Amino acid sequence: PPRSEIRASLAKRFADEGTDGTFVGYKTDDYLIIASDPQRSG
């Protein structure tokens, strides 16, 4: 099963662009899911 984490610093990238958005990355070798937020990503 993959590990997972939220990194709020990623969400700041969208705010700095003057918009709202979401990002999810899956690092396949690490079985690691990294998301910018827990709401819009789903």
PDB file of all heavy atoms in Angstrom:
ATOM      1  N   PRO A   1       0.837  -1.202   0.000  1.00  0.00           N
ATOM      2  CA  PRO A   1       0.000   0.000   0.000  1.00  0.00           C
ATOM      3  C   PRO A   1       0.871   1.251   0.000  1.00  0.00           C
ATOM      4  O   PRO A   1       1.907   1.308   0.671  1.00  0.00           O
ATOM      5  CB  PRO A   1      -0.779  -0.116   1.313  1.00  0.00           C
ATOM      6  CG  PRO A   1      -0.797  -1.574   1.609  1.00  0.00           C
ATOM      7  CD  PRO A   1       0.517  -2.095   1.110  1.00  0.00           C
ATOM      8  N   PRO A   2       0.495   2.265  -0.782  1.00  0.00           N
ATOM      9  CA  PRO A   2       1.328   3.461  -0.860  1.00  0.00           C
ATOM     10  C   PRO A   2       1.235   4.300   0.405  1.00  0.00           C
ATOM     11  O   PRO A   2       0.241   4.290   1.118  1.00  0.00           O
ATOM     12  CB  PRO A   2       0.712   4.217  -2.038  1.00  0.00           C
ATOM     13  CG  PRO A   2      -0.732   3.804  -2.003  1.00  0.00           C
ATOM     14  CD  PRO A   2      -0.719   2.360  -1.599  1.00  0.00           C
ATOM     15  N   ARG A   3       2.316   5.014   0.657  1.00  0.00           N
ATOM     16  CA  ARG A   3       2.261   6.057   1.672  1.00  0.00           C
ATOM     17  C   ARG A   3       1.658   7.294   1.036  1.00  0.00           C
ATOM     18  O   ARG A   3       1.638   7.429  -0.191  1.00  0.00           O
ATOM     19  CB  ARG A   3       3.672   6.354   2.182  1.00  0.00           C
ATOM     20  CG  ARG A   3       4.326   5.176   2.908  1.00  0.00           C
ATOM     21  CD  ARG A   3       5.752   5.503   3.312  1.00  0.00           C
ATOM     22  NE  ARG A   3       6.621   5.669   2.167  1.00  0.00           N
ATOM     23  CZ  ARG A   3       7.310   6.775   1.874  1.00  0.00           C
ATOM     24  NH1 ARG A   3       7.200   7.838   2.649  1.00  0.00           N
ATOM     25  NH2 ARG A   3       8.101   6.823   0.833  1.00  0.00           N
ATOM     26  N   SER A   4       1.166   8.206   1.854  1.00  0.00           N
ATOM     27  CA  SER A   4       0.565   9.416   1.294  1.00  0.00           C
ATOM     28  C   SER A   4       0.770  10.574   2.253  1.00  0.00           C
ATOM     29  O   SER A   4       0.888  10.387   3.467  1.00  0.00           O
ATOM     30  CB  SER A   4      -0.931   9.206   1.032  1.00  0.00           C
ATOM     31  OG  SER A   4      -1.611   8.828   2.209  1.00  0.00           O
ATOM     32  N   GLU A   5       0.841  11.770   1.673  1.00  0.00           N
ATOM     33  CA  GLU A   5       1.007  12.952   2.498  1.00  0.00           C
ATOM     34  C   GLU A   5       0.456  14.183   1.794  1.00  0.00           C
ATOM     35  O   GLU A   5       0.389  14.230   0.566  1.00  0.00           O
ATOM     36  CB  GLU A   5       2.476  13.163   2.868  1.00  0.00           C
ATOM     37  CG  GLU A   5       3.411  13.341   1.697  1.00  0.00           C
ATOM     38  CD  GLU A   5       4.874  13.432   2.132  1.00  0.00           C
ATOM     39  OE1 GLU A   5       5.416  12.416   2.615  1.00  0.00           O
ATOM     40  OE2 GLU A   5       5.460  14.529   1.960  1.00  0.00           O
ATOM     41  N   ILE A   6       0.042  15.152   2.593  1.00  0.00           N
ATOM     42  CA  ILE A   6      -0.394  16.450   2.115  1.00  0.00           C
ATOM     43  C   ILE A   6       0.734  17.444   2.335  1.00  0.00           C
ATOM     44  O   ILE A   6       1.311  17.489   3.430  1.00  0.00           O
ATOM     45  CB  ILE A   6      -1.647  16.941   2.877  1.00  0.00           C
ATOM     46  CG1 ILE A   6      -2.794  15.939   2.753  1.00  0.00           C
ATOM     47  CG2 ILE A   6      -2.075  18.314   2.378  1.00  0.00           C
ATOM     48  CD1 ILE A   6      -3.365  15.806   1.373  1.00  0.00           C
ATOM     49  N   ARG A   7       1.061  18.216   1.305  1.00  0.00           N
ATOM     50  CA  ARG A   7       2.062  19.273   1.450  1.00  0.00           C
ATOM     51  C   ARG A   7       1.403  20.604   1.102  1.00  0.00           C
ATOM     52  O   ARG A   7       1.193  20.926  -0.079  1.00  0.00           O
ATOM     53  CB  ARG A   7       3.260  19.018   0.547  1.00  0.00           C
ATOM     54  CG  ARG A   7       4.073  17.793   0.936  1.00  0.00           C
ATOM     55  CD  ARG A   7       5.368  17.710   0.150  1.00  0.00           C
ATOM     56  NE  ARG A   7       6.047  16.452   0.392  1.00  0.00           N
ATOM     57  CZ  ARG A   7       7.151  16.062  -0.257  1.00  0.00           C
ATOM     58  NH1 ARG A   7       7.693  16.880  -1.174  1.00  0.00           N
ATOM     59  NH2 ARG A   7       7.722  14.899   0.006  1.00  0.00           N
ATOM     60  N   ALA A   8       1.090  21.371   2.122  1.00  0.00           N
ATOM     61  CA  ALA A   8       0.411  22.648   1.918  1.00  0.00           C
ATOM     62  C   ALA A   8       1.251  23.615   1.104  1.00  0.00           C
ATOM     63  O   ALA A   8       0.717  24.509   0.426  1.00  0.00           O
ATOM     64  CB  ALA A   8       0.049  23.260   3.270  1.00  0.00           C
ATOM     65  N   SER A   9       2.569  23.444   1.131  1.00  0.00           N
ATOM     66  CA  SER A   9       3.441  24.329   0.357  1.00  0.00           C
ATOM     67  C   SER A   9       3.159  24.222  -1.138  1.00  0.00           C
ATOM     68  O   SER A   9       3.382  25.181  -1.894  1.00  0.00           O
ATOM     69  CB  SER A   9       4.910  23.995   0.632  1.00  0.00           C
ATOM     70  OG  SER A   9       5.196  22.645   0.279  1.00  0.00           O
ATOM     71  N   LEU A  10       2.665  23.077  -1.582  1.00  0.00           N
ATOM     72  CA  LEU A  10       2.337  22.914  -3.001  1.00  0.00           C
ATOM     73  C   LEU A  10       1.121  23.761  -3.381  1.00  0.00           C
ATOM     74  O   LEU A  10       1.059  24.320  -4.483  1.00  0.00           O
ATOM     75  CB  LEU A  10       2.072  21.439  -3.316  1.00  0.00           C
ATOM     76  CG  LEU A  10       3.204  20.458  -3.000  1.00  0.00           C
ATOM     77  CD1 LEU A  10       2.767  19.035  -3.311  1.00  0.00           C
ATOM     78  CD2 LEU A  10       4.466  20.813  -3.781  1.00  0.00           C
ATOM     79  N   ALA A  11       0.166  23.849  -2.476  1.00  0.00           N
ATOM     80  CA  ALA A  11      -1.034  24.650  -2.750  1.00  0.00           C
ATOM     81  C   ALA A  11      -0.677  26.116  -2.934  1.00  0.00           C
ATOM     82  O   ALA A  11      -1.355  26.842  -3.675  1.00  0.00           O
ATOM     83  CB  ALA A  11      -2.044  24.485  -1.617  1.00  0.00           C
ATOM     84  N   LYS A  12       0.375  26.580  -2.261  1.00  0.00           N
ATOM     85  CA  LYS A  12       0.783  27.980  -2.375  1.00  0.00           C
ATOM     86  C   LYS A  12       1.164  28.337  -3.800  1.00  0.00           C
ATOM     87  O   LYS A  12       1.034  29.497  -4.217  1.00  0.00           O
ATOM     88  CB  LYS A  12       1.944  28.259  -1.424  1.00  0.00           C
ATOM     89  CG  LYS A  12       2.333  29.723  -1.318  1.00  0.00           C
ATOM     90  CD  LYS A  12       3.408  29.928  -0.267  1.00  0.00           C
ATOM     91  CE  LYS A  12       3.752  31.409  -0.123  1.00  0.00           C
ATOM     92  NZ  LYS A  12       4.323  31.978  -1.374  1.00  0.00           N
ATOM     93  N   ARG A  13       1.630  27.375  -4.566  1.00  0.00           N
ATOM     94  CA  ARG A  13       1.976  27.633  -5.962  1.00  0.00           C
ATOM     95  C   ARG A  13       0.767  28.165  -6.740  1.00  0.00           C
ATOM     96  O   ARG A  13       0.899  29.072  -7.566  1.00  0.00           O
ATOM     97  CB  ARG A  13       2.489  26.358  -6.628  1.00  0.00           C
ATOM     98  CG  ARG A  13       3.831  25.849  -6.115  1.00  0.00           C
ATOM     99  CD  ARG A  13       4.970  26.692  -6.615  1.00  0.00           C
ATOM    100  NE  ARG A  13       6.267  26.098  -6.318  1.00  0.00           N
ATOM    101  CZ  ARG A  13       7.431  26.702  -6.579  1.00  0.00           C
ATOM    102  NH1 ARG A  13       7.450  27.902  -7.128  1.00  0.00           N
ATOM    103  NH2 ARG A  13       8.563  26.105  -6.278  1.00  0.00           N
ATOM    104  N   PHE A  14      -0.403  27.588  -6.496  1.00  0.00           N
ATOM    105  CA  PHE A  14      -1.609  28.044  -7.179  1.00  0.00           C
ATOM    106  C   PHE A  14      -2.028  29.431  -6.686  1.00  0.00           C
ATOM    107  O   PHE A  14      -2.406  30.296  -7.481  1.00  0.00           O
ATOM    108  CB  PHE A  14      -2.741  27.041  -6.985  1.00  0.00           C
ATOM    109  CG  PHE A  14      -2.470  25.694  -7.594  1.00  0.00           C
ATOM    110  CD1 PHE A  14      -1.989  24.639  -6.828  1.00  0.00           C
ATOM    111  CD2 PHE A  14      -2.680  25.469  -8.940  1.00  0.00           C
ATOM    112  CE1 PHE A  14      -1.727  23.392  -7.386  1.00  0.00           C
ATOM    113  CE2 PHE A  14      -2.421  24.240  -9.525  1.00  0.00           C
ATOM    114  CZ  PHE A  14      -1.948  23.195  -8.738  1.00  0.00           C
ATOM    115  N   ALA A  15      -1.944  29.641  -5.388  1.00  0.00           N
ATOM    116  CA  ALA A  15      -2.289  30.944  -4.822  1.00  0.00           C
ATOM    117  C   ALA A  15      -1.382  32.035  -5.384  1.00  0.00           C
ATOM    118  O   ALA A  15      -1.843  33.149  -5.692  1.00  0.00           O
ATOM    119  CB  ALA A  15      -2.194  30.898  -3.301  1.00  0.00           C
ATOM    120  N   ASP A  16      -0.102  31.716  -5.536  1.00  0.00           N
ATOM    121  CA  ASP A  16       0.835  32.690  -6.086  1.00  0.00           C
ATOM    122  C   ASP A  16       0.508  33.042  -7.535  1.00  0.00           C
ATOM    123  O   ASP A  16       0.876  34.124  -8.011  1.00  0.00           O
ATOM    124  CB  ASP A  16       2.268  32.160  -6.000  1.00  0.00           C
ATOM    125  CG  ASP A  16       2.795  32.121  -4.569  1.00  0.00           C
ATOM    126  OD1 ASP A  16       2.162  32.737  -3.692  1.00  0.00           O
ATOM    127  OD2 ASP A  16       3.825  31.443  -4.338  1.00  0.00           O
ATOM    128  N   GLU A  17      -0.173  32.132  -8.234  1.00  0.00           N
ATOM    129  CA  GLU A  17      -0.600  32.384  -9.609  1.00  0.00           C
ATOM    130  C   GLU A  17      -1.941  33.106  -9.671  1.00  0.00           C
ATOM    131  O   GLU A  17      -2.452  33.397 -10.755  1.00  0.00           O
ATOM    132  CB  GLU A  17      -0.701  31.065 -10.386  1.00  0.00           C
ATOM    133  CG  GLU A  17       0.621  30.526 -10.878  1.00  0.00           C
ATOM    134  CD  GLU A  17       1.252  31.402 -11.943  1.00  0.00           C
ATOM    135  OE1 GLU A  17       0.554  31.801 -12.895  1.00  0.00           O
ATOM    136  OE2 GLU A  17       2.464  31.696 -11.807  1.00  0.00           O
ATOM    137  N   GLY A  18      -2.533  33.352  -8.496  1.00  0.00           N
ATOM    138  CA  GLY A  18      -3.799  34.064  -8.464  1.00  0.00           C
ATOM    139  C   GLY A  18      -4.989  33.203  -8.815  1.00  0.00           C
ATOM    140  O   GLY A  18      -5.998  33.691  -9.350  1.00  0.00           O
ATOM    141  N   THR A  19      -4.904  31.912  -8.502  1.00  0.00           N
ATOM    142  CA  THR A  19      -6.010  31.015  -8.825  1.00  0.00           C
ATOM    143  C   THR A  19      -6.082  29.896  -7.794  1.00  0.00           C
ATOM    144  O   THR A  19      -5.266  29.808  -6.882  1.00  0.00           O
ATOM    145  CB  THR A  19      -5.843  30.437 -10.244  1.00  0.00           C
ATOM    146  OG1 THR A  19      -7.035  29.734 -10.616  1.00  0.00           O
ATOM    147  CG2 THR A  19      -4.649  29.508 -10.342  1.00  0.00           C
ATOM    148  N   ASP A  20      -7.076  29.036  -7.949  1.00  0.00           N
ATOM    149  CA  ASP A  20      -7.206  27.832  -7.141  1.00  0.00           C
ATOM    150  C   ASP A  20      -6.920  26.620  -8.016  1.00  0.00           C
ATOM    151  O   ASP A  20      -7.248  26.608  -9.217  1.00  0.00           O
ATOM    152  CB  ASP A  20      -8.618  27.696  -6.569  1.00  0.00           C
ATOM    153  CG  ASP A  20      -8.901  28.714  -5.471  1.00  0.00           C
ATOM    154  OD1 ASP A  20      -7.952  29.077  -4.754  1.00  0.00           O
ATOM    155  OD2 ASP A  20     -10.062  29.145  -5.356  1.00  0.00           O
ATOM    156  N   GLY A  21      -6.338  25.594  -7.415  1.00  0.00           N
ATOM    157  CA  GLY A  21      -6.044  24.384  -8.165  1.00  0.00           C
ATOM    158  C   GLY A  21      -5.600  23.284  -7.230  1.00  0.00           C
ATOM    159  O   GLY A  21      -5.598  23.432  -6.005  1.00  0.00           O
ATOM    160  N   THR A  22      -5.222  22.172  -7.821  1.00  0.00           N
ATOM    161  CA  THR A  22      -4.760  21.033  -7.035  1.00  0.00           C
ATOM    162  C   THR A  22      -3.723  20.261  -7.823  1.00  0.00           C
ATOM    163  O   THR A  22      -3.722  20.268  -9.071  1.00  0.00           O
ATOM    164  CB  THR A  22      -5.929  20.117  -6.638  1.00  0.00           C
ATOM    165  OG1 THR A  22      -5.476  19.154  -5.675  1.00  0.00           O
ATOM    166  CG2 THR A  22      -6.514  19.383  -7.837  1.00  0.00           C
ATOM    167  N   PHE A  23      -2.849  19.588  -7.096  1.00  0.00           N
ATOM    168  CA  PHE A  23      -1.793  18.776  -7.702  1.00  0.00           C
ATOM    169  C   PHE A  23      -1.659  17.493  -6.904  1.00  0.00           C
ATOM    170  O   PHE A  23      -1.683  17.513  -5.667  1.00  0.00           O
ATOM    171  CB  PHE A  23      -0.464  19.531  -7.670  1.00  0.00           C
ATOM    172  CG  PHE A  23       0.745  18.687  -8.023  1.00  0.00           C
ATOM    173  CD1 PHE A  23       1.108  18.496  -9.343  1.00  0.00           C
ATOM    174  CD2 PHE A  23       1.511  18.092  -7.020  1.00  0.00           C
ATOM    175  CE1 PHE A  23       2.223  17.712  -9.665  1.00  0.00           C
ATOM    176  CE2 PHE A  23       2.623  17.315  -7.335  1.00  0.00           C
ATOM    177  CZ  PHE A  23       2.971  17.132  -8.655  1.00  0.00           C
ATOM    178  N   VAL A  24      -1.519  16.393  -7.615  1.00  0.00           N
ATOM    179  CA  VAL A  24      -1.220  15.101  -6.984  1.00  0.00           C
ATOM    180  C   VAL A  24      -0.100  14.448  -7.775  1.00  0.00           C
ATOM    181  O   VAL A  24      -0.155  14.388  -9.013  1.00  0.00           O
ATOM    182  CB  VAL A  24      -2.451  14.167  -6.947  1.00  0.00           C
ATOM    183  CG1 VAL A  24      -2.097  12.861  -6.236  1.00  0.00           C
ATOM    184  CG2 VAL A  24      -3.633  14.834  -6.267  1.00  0.00           C
ATOM    185  N   GLY A  25       0.920  13.990  -7.072  1.00  0.00           N
ATOM    186  CA  GLY A  25       2.005  13.253  -7.701  1.00  0.00           C
ATOM    187  C   GLY A  25       2.167  11.889  -7.055  1.00  0.00           C
ATOM    188  O   GLY A  25       2.034  11.766  -5.829  1.00  0.00           O
ATOM    189  N   TYR A  26       2.451  10.886  -7.862  1.00  0.00           N
ATOM    190  CA  TYR A  26       2.692   9.533  -7.349  1.00  0.00           C
ATOM    191  C   TYR A  26       4.115   9.130  -7.718  1.00  0.00           C
ATOM    192  O   TYR A  26       4.433   8.888  -8.889  1.00  0.00           O
ATOM    193  CB  TYR A  26       1.682   8.551  -7.935  1.00  0.00           C
ATOM    194  CG  TYR A  26       2.021   7.090  -7.698  1.00  0.00           C
ATOM    195  CD1 TYR A  26       2.418   6.640  -6.446  1.00  0.00           C
ATOM    196  CD2 TYR A  26       1.933   6.153  -8.736  1.00  0.00           C
ATOM    197  CE1 TYR A  26       2.754   5.312  -6.230  1.00  0.00           C
ATOM    198  CE2 TYR A  26       2.245   4.819  -8.526  1.00  0.00           C
ATOM    199  CZ  TYR A  26       2.657   4.406  -7.277  1.00  0.00           C
ATOM    200  OH  TYR A  26       2.981   3.087  -7.053  1.00  0.00           O
ATOM    201  N   LYS A  27       4.987   9.084  -6.726  1.00  0.00           N
ATOM    202  CA  LYS A  27       6.377   8.679  -6.936  1.00  0.00           C
ATOM    203  C   LYS A  27       6.427   7.158  -6.901  1.00  0.00           C
ATOM    204  O   LYS A  27       6.341   6.534  -5.835  1.00  0.00           O
ATOM    205  CB  LYS A  27       7.279   9.310  -5.876  1.00  0.00           C
ATOM    206  CG  LYS A  27       7.194  10.833  -5.843  1.00  0.00           C
ATOM    207  CD  LYS A  27       8.271  11.462  -4.986  1.00  0.00           C
ATOM    208  CE  LYS A  27       9.584  11.473  -5.735  1.00  0.00           C
ATOM    209  NZ  LYS A  27      10.623  12.258  -5.007  1.00  0.00           N
ATOM    210  N   THR A  28       6.550   6.568  -8.078  1.00  0.00           N
ATOM    211  CA  THR A  28       6.308   5.135  -8.213  1.00  0.00           C
ATOM    212  C   THR A  28       7.324   4.291  -7.462  1.00  0.00           C
ATOM    213  O   THR A  28       6.973   3.250  -6.899  1.00  0.00           O
ATOM    214  CB  THR A  28       6.286   4.734  -9.696  1.00  0.00           C
ATOM    215  OG1 THR A  28       7.573   4.983 -10.281  1.00  0.00           O
ATOM    216  CG2 THR A  28       5.223   5.514 -10.445  1.00  0.00           C
ATOM    217  N   ASP A  29       8.575   4.700  -7.431  1.00  0.00           N
ATOM    218  CA  ASP A  29       9.596   3.899  -6.754  1.00  0.00           C
ATOM    219  C   ASP A  29       9.408   3.901  -5.245  1.00  0.00           C
ATOM    220  O   ASP A  29       9.776   2.943  -4.556  1.00  0.00           O
ATOM    221  CB  ASP A  29      10.997   4.417  -7.092  1.00  0.00           C
ATOM    222  CG  ASP A  29      11.411   4.079  -8.519  1.00  0.00           C
ATOM    223  OD1 ASP A  29      10.718   3.264  -9.149  1.00  0.00           O
ATOM    224  OD2 ASP A  29      12.408   4.642  -8.991  1.00  0.00           O
ATOM    225  N   ASP A  30       8.851   4.987  -4.740  1.00  0.00           N
ATOM    226  CA  ASP A  30       8.668   5.134  -3.294  1.00  0.00           C
ATOM    227  C   ASP A  30       7.271   4.735  -2.832  1.00  0.00           C
ATOM    228  O   ASP A  30       6.996   4.764  -1.626  1.00  0.00           O
ATOM    229  CB  ASP A  30       8.929   6.580  -2.870  1.00  0.00           C
ATOM    230  CG  ASP A  30      10.331   7.043  -3.181  1.00  0.00           C
ATOM    231  OD1 ASP A  30      11.244   6.195  -3.156  1.00  0.00           O
ATOM    232  OD2 ASP A  30      10.521   8.236  -3.464  1.00  0.00           O
ATOM    233  N   TYR A  31       6.385   4.387  -3.784  1.00  0.00           N
ATOM    234  CA  TYR A  31       4.977   4.131  -3.445  1.00  0.00           C
ATOM    235  C   TYR A  31       4.411   5.284  -2.627  1.00  0.00           C
ATOM    236  O   TYR A  31       3.697   5.083  -1.640  1.00  0.00           O
ATOM    237  CB  TYR A  31       4.791   2.813  -2.687  1.00  0.00           C
ATOM    238  CG  TYR A  31       5.367   1.602  -3.378  1.00  0.00           C
ATOM    239  CD1 TYR A  31       5.956   0.579  -2.645  1.00  0.00           C
ATOM    240  CD2 TYR A  31       5.307   1.471  -4.761  1.00  0.00           C
ATOM    241  CE1 TYR A  31       6.483  -0.546  -3.278  1.00  0.00           C
ATOM    242  CE2 TYR A  31       5.824   0.359  -5.396  1.00  0.00           C
ATOM    243  CZ  TYR A  31       6.418  -0.648  -4.653  1.00  0.00           C
ATOM    244  OH  TYR A  31       6.936  -1.743  -5.292  1.00  0.00           O
ATOM    245  N   LEU A  32       4.740   6.506  -3.049  1.00  0.00           N
ATOM    246  CA  LEU A  32       4.390   7.691  -2.279  1.00  0.00           C
ATOM    247  C   LEU A  32       3.479   8.607  -3.088  1.00  0.00           C
ATOM    248  O   LEU A  32       3.833   9.017  -4.197  1.00  0.00           O
ATOM    249  CB  LEU A  32       5.655   8.455  -1.871  1.00  0.00           C
ATOM    250  CG  LEU A  32       5.451   9.798  -1.163  1.00  0.00           C
ATOM    251  CD1 LEU A  32       4.722   9.607   0.167  1.00  0.00           C
ATOM    252  CD2 LEU A  32       6.795  10.501  -0.950  1.00  0.00           C
ATOM    253  N   ILE A  33       2.300   8.900  -2.535  1.00  0.00           N
ATOM    254  CA  ILE A  33       1.375   9.861  -3.126  1.00  0.00           C
ATOM    255  C   ILE A  33       1.507  11.171  -2.363  1.00  0.00           C
ATOM    256  O   ILE A  33       1.407  11.197  -1.134  1.00  0.00           O
ATOM    257  CB  ILE A  33      -0.076   9.359  -3.045  1.00  0.00           C
ATOM    258  CG1 ILE A  33      -0.251   8.071  -3.850  1.00  0.00           C
ATOM    259  CG2 ILE A  33      -1.044  10.422  -3.550  1.00  0.00           C
ATOM    260  CD1 ILE A  33      -1.582   7.411  -3.638  1.00  0.00           C
ATOM    261  N   ILE A  34       1.748  12.248  -3.111  1.00  0.00           N
ATOM    262  CA  ILE A  34       1.886  13.571  -2.513  1.00  0.00           C
ATOM    263  C   ILE A  34       0.828  14.476  -3.121  1.00  0.00           C
ATOM    264  O   ILE A  34       0.738  14.594  -4.351  1.00  0.00           O
ATOM    265  CB  ILE A  34       3.285  14.157  -2.769  1.00  0.00           C
ATOM    266  CG1 ILE A  34       4.374  13.215  -2.242  1.00  0.00           C
ATOM    267  CG2 ILE A  34       3.416  15.542  -2.125  1.00  0.00           C
ATOM    268  CD1 ILE A  34       5.776  13.594  -2.690  1.00  0.00           C
ATOM    269  N   ALA A  35       0.018  15.093  -2.275  1.00  0.00           N
ATOM    270  CA  ALA A  35      -1.059  15.960  -2.761  1.00  0.00           C
ATOM    271  C   ALA A  35      -0.931  17.346  -2.150  1.00  0.00           C
ATOM    272  O   ALA A  35      -0.422  17.510  -1.039  1.00  0.00           O
ATOM    273  CB  ALA A  35      -2.427  15.369  -2.418  1.00  0.00           C
ATOM    274  N   SER A  36      -1.425  18.331  -2.889  1.00  0.00           N
ATOM    275  CA  SER A  36      -1.381  19.708  -2.405  1.00  0.00           C
ATOM    276  C   SER A  36      -2.484  19.999  -1.395  1.00  0.00           C
ATOM    277  O   SER A  36      -2.395  20.969  -0.640  1.00  0.00           O
ATOM    278  CB  SER A  36      -1.491  20.683  -3.575  1.00  0.00           C
ATOM    279  OG  SER A  36      -2.738  20.531  -4.239  1.00  0.00           O
ATOM    280  N   ASP A  37      -3.519  19.178  -1.389  1.00  0.00           N
ATOM    281  CA  ASP A  37      -4.649  19.409  -0.494  1.00  0.00           C
ATOM    282  C   ASP A  37      -5.481  18.135  -0.413  1.00  0.00           C
ATOM    283  O   ASP A  37      -5.388  17.278  -1.292  1.00  0.00           O
ATOM    284  CB  ASP A  37      -5.535  20.557  -1.021  1.00  0.00           C
ATOM    285  CG  ASP A  37      -6.224  20.160  -2.311  1.00  0.00           C
ATOM    286  OD1 ASP A  37      -5.613  20.308  -3.389  1.00  0.00           O
ATOM    287  OD2 ASP A  37      -7.377  19.689  -2.252  1.00  0.00           O
ATOM    288  N   PRO A  38      -6.309  17.996   0.615  1.00  0.00           N
ATOM    289  CA  PRO A  38      -7.121  16.788   0.756  1.00  0.00           C
ATOM    290  C   PRO A  38      -8.537  16.919   0.198  1.00  0.00           C
ATOM    291  O   PRO A  38      -9.286  15.960   0.247  1.00  0.00           O
ATOM    292  CB  PRO A  38      -7.168  16.592   2.276  1.00  0.00           C
ATOM    293  CG  PRO A  38      -7.168  17.985   2.801  1.00  0.00           C
ATOM    294  CD  PRO A  38      -6.314  18.805   1.854  1.00  0.00           C
ATOM    295  N   GLN A  39      -8.904  18.084  -0.325  1.00  0.00           N
ATOM    296  CA  GLN A  39     -10.275  18.277  -0.806  1.00  0.00           C
ATOM    297  C   GLN A  39     -10.358  18.229  -2.329  1.00  0.00           C
ATOM    298  O   GLN A  39     -10.910  17.293  -2.903  1.00  0.00           O
ATOM    299  CB  GLN A  39     -10.851  19.601  -0.280  1.00  0.00           C
ATOM    300  CG  GLN A  39     -11.123  19.622   1.208  1.00  0.00           C
ATOM    301  CD  GLN A  39      -9.921  20.073   2.013  1.00  0.00           C
ATOM    302  OE1 GLN A  39      -9.024  20.735   1.506  1.00  0.00           O
ATOM    303  NE2 GLN A  39      -9.908  19.714   3.285  1.00  0.00           N
ATOM    304  N   ARG A  40      -9.791  19.243  -2.981  1.00  0.00           N
ATOM    305  CA  ARG A  40      -9.937  19.333  -4.430  1.00  0.00           C
ATOM    306  C   ARG A  40      -9.246  18.186  -5.149  1.00  0.00           C
ATOM    307  O   ARG A  40      -9.646  17.826  -6.262  1.00  0.00           O
ATOM    308  CB  ARG A  40      -9.408  20.685  -4.924  1.00  0.00           C
ATOM    309  CG  ARG A  40      -9.577  20.894  -6.423  1.00  0.00           C
ATOM    310  CD  ARG A  40      -9.459  22.347  -6.807  1.00  0.00           C
ATOM    311  NE  ARG A  40      -9.403  22.505  -8.251  1.00  0.00           N
ATOM    312  CZ  ARG A  40      -9.757  23.599  -8.902  1.00  0.00           C
ATOM    313  NH1 ARG A  40     -10.188  24.666  -8.241  1.00  0.00           N
ATOM    314  NH2 ARG A  40      -9.666  23.665 -10.220  1.00  0.00           N
ATOM    315  N   SER A  41      -8.232  17.593  -4.555  1.00  0.00           N
ATOM    316  CA  SER A  41      -7.557  16.457  -5.191  1.00  0.00           C
ATOM    317  C   SER A  41      -8.506  15.294  -5.427  1.00  0.00           C
ATOM    318  O   SER A  41      -8.256  14.439  -6.280  1.00  0.00           O
ATOM    319  CB  SER A  41      -6.373  15.997  -4.342  1.00  0.00           C
ATOM    320  OG  SER A  41      -6.774  15.771  -3.005  1.00  0.00           O
ATOM    321  N   GLY A  42      -9.613  15.244  -4.675  1.00  0.00           N
ATOM    322  CA  GLY A  42     -10.616  14.209  -4.869  1.00  0.00           C
ATOM    323  C   GLY A  42     -11.885  14.711  -5.526  1.00  0.00           C
ATOM    324  O   GLY A  42     -12.881  13.989  -5.562  1.00  0.00           O
TER     325      GLY A  42
END
